[in-house]
Amino acid sequence: MSNTEDRFIDLEIKIAHQEHLVESLGQRIYEQQQQIDKLEQLCAALIQHVRTQPQNGGGQLPHEPPPHY
């Protein structure tokens, strides 16, 4: 093999590794975006839940017994 052929083979190997890496990173970005979307939905649901709860007087927790117990 000539020196030029060896260089082409090395470049092809490097390109193949780069393509695999780019594909892996793209998949990871997609997975992270899916997780971000789920977390945003959860936050929105929690905000809605908190807004729809009636206000408790005296700042007590909903299941906290009265102070005279």
Protein backbone atom coordinates (compact mmCIF):
# COMPACT_ATOMS: atom_id res chain seq x y z
CA MET A 1 0.00 0.00 0.00
CA SER A 2 1.12 3.47 -0.70
CA ASN A 3 1.40 6.22 1.84
CA THR A 4 -1.57 8.01 0.25
CA GLU A 5 -3.80 4.93 0.59
CA ASP A 6 -2.84 4.56 4.24
CA ARG A 7 -3.75 8.18 4.85
CA PHE A 8 -7.12 7.73 3.14
CA ILE A 9 -7.85 4.65 5.23
CA ASP A 10 -6.94 6.52 8.42
CA LEU A 11 -9.19 9.40 7.41
CA GLU A 12 -12.08 7.03 6.64
CA ILE A 13 -11.68 5.40 10.05
CA LYS A 14 -11.66 8.79 11.77
CA ILE A 15 -14.75 9.90 9.84
CA ALA A 16 -16.57 6.71 10.80
CA HIS A 17 -15.78 7.34 14.48
CA GLN A 18 -16.90 10.97 14.17
CA GLU A 19 -20.19 9.95 12.53
CA HIS A 20 -20.85 7.48 15.34
CA LEU A 21 -20.06 10.10 17.96
CA VAL A 22 -22.34 12.69 16.34
CA GLU A 23 -25.16 10.14 16.14
CA SER A 24 -24.69 9.20 19.82
CA LEU A 25 -24.68 12.85 20.90
CA GLY A 26 -27.78 13.57 18.85
CA GLN A 27 -29.60 10.68 20.51
CA ARG A 28 -28.55 11.89 23.95
CA ILE A 29 -29.79 15.42 23.18
CA TYR A 30 -33.12 13.98 22.06
CA GLU A 31 -33.44 11.98 25.31
CA GLN A 32 -32.60 15.02 27.41
CA GLN A 33 -35.17 17.14 25.58
CA GLN A 34 -37.80 14.47 26.26
CA GLN A 35 -36.90 14.60 29.96
CA ILE A 36 -37.02 18.41 29.99
CA ASP A 37 -40.47 18.34 28.38
CA LYS A 38 -41.74 15.92 31.04
CA LEU A 39 -40.32 18.05 33.84
CA GLU A 40 -41.92 21.19 32.41
CA GLN A 41 -45.28 19.42 32.29
CA LEU A 42 -44.83 18.27 35.89
CA CYS A 43 -43.97 21.80 37.03
CA ALA A 44 -47.01 23.21 35.24
CA ALA A 45 -49.24 20.57 36.88
CA LEU A 46 -47.78 21.34 40.31
CA ILE A 47 -48.30 25.07 39.82
CA GLN A 48 -51.90 24.47 38.79
CA HIS A 49 -52.42 22.19 41.79
CA VAL A 50 -51.05 24.79 44.22
CA ARG A 51 -53.16 27.55 42.68
CA THR A 52 -56.37 25.54 42.98
CA GLN A 53 -55.85 24.59 46.65
CA PRO A 54 -57.93 26.57 49.14
CA GLN A 55 -55.94 28.85 51.41
CA ASN A 56 -55.55 27.53 54.97
CA GLY A 57 -55.97 30.01 57.79
CA GLY A 58 -53.11 30.46 60.22
CA GLY A 59 -50.50 28.94 57.94
CA GLN A 60 -51.14 25.41 59.21
CA LEU A 61 -50.40 22.37 57.12
CA PRO A 62 -53.54 20.57 55.88
CA HIS A 63 -53.02 17.51 58.11
CA GLU A 64 -51.53 19.26 61.09
CA PRO A 65 -53.57 18.83 64.30
CA PRO A 66 -54.77 21.99 66.03
CA PRO A 67 -52.44 23.37 68.72
CA HIS A 68 -54.73 22.36 71.61
CA TYR A 69 -54.13 18.60 71.04
